[in-house]
Amino acid sequence: MSISNGLKTARVGILIGSSRRVRVGPSVTQFIKNTIPASRANNIDIDTVDISKFNLPIFDEAVIPAQVPAQAQFAHEHSKAWNAEIEKYDGYIIVSPEYNFGVPGGLKNAIDYLYHSWTGKPVLIIAYGGGGGQHASDALKTILNGMKLRVCETRPTLPLGSETMPAMSHGVLTDAARDIWGKEYGNDIRRGWDELSSAILDPTPQ
């Protein structure tokens, strides 16, 4: 946490979990940022982290992340940059689409580059997809619990199904989709944010 004017300011990274060329992930992420309470009122800053901009290849290090930094070091600059980006946050929101009933390969690969840079920190999972994204959310919960992150109990899932069709146009959520999500799932998102905020303020591992 940084300190400004005597007050501690925590930082949350909200991760865009889709790296496809045509994607609605940035629009979904912005909707979530607009839905949660004003972060500065809680001394929490939120930064968007776009996984696609790190251009991570399939994990290509000769060491496993759990060995870094105590036993080994990363050799590649992309590994160092990604871990440094993740390490600077006090908590995370992972915004994940569901592809073929699971976690996107690009997101799973990005997670596989990490270990000590985020172990023990809290994370809120928000998934979306044709069926709401529950399979991706459940898989992420298993993965992140196994990596010793503190997964928030509330895990909102946002459907891109018939209720919100047409849900997107040219990779952007339609006004109708945003209105329906805000009414139907806004409270879930805010509840998850409250849990994440509380976990950040109480850094004791569960």
Foldseek 3Di string as FASTA:
>chain_A
DDADPNDAAAEEEEEQQDQDPQALSVQVSVLLVVLAPDRVVLSYHYDYDYLNVLVDDQDDFPDFQVCPPVNHDGDDPSLVVLLVVLLRHQEYEYEFEADPLEGDPSNVSSCRSHAPSAALGEYAYEYEEQVQGPSHVVVVVVVVVVSRYHYQPQHGTQHCHPQCVVQDDRSHGDPSSSVVCCVPPSVSSNVSVVRNSVCSVVSDRD
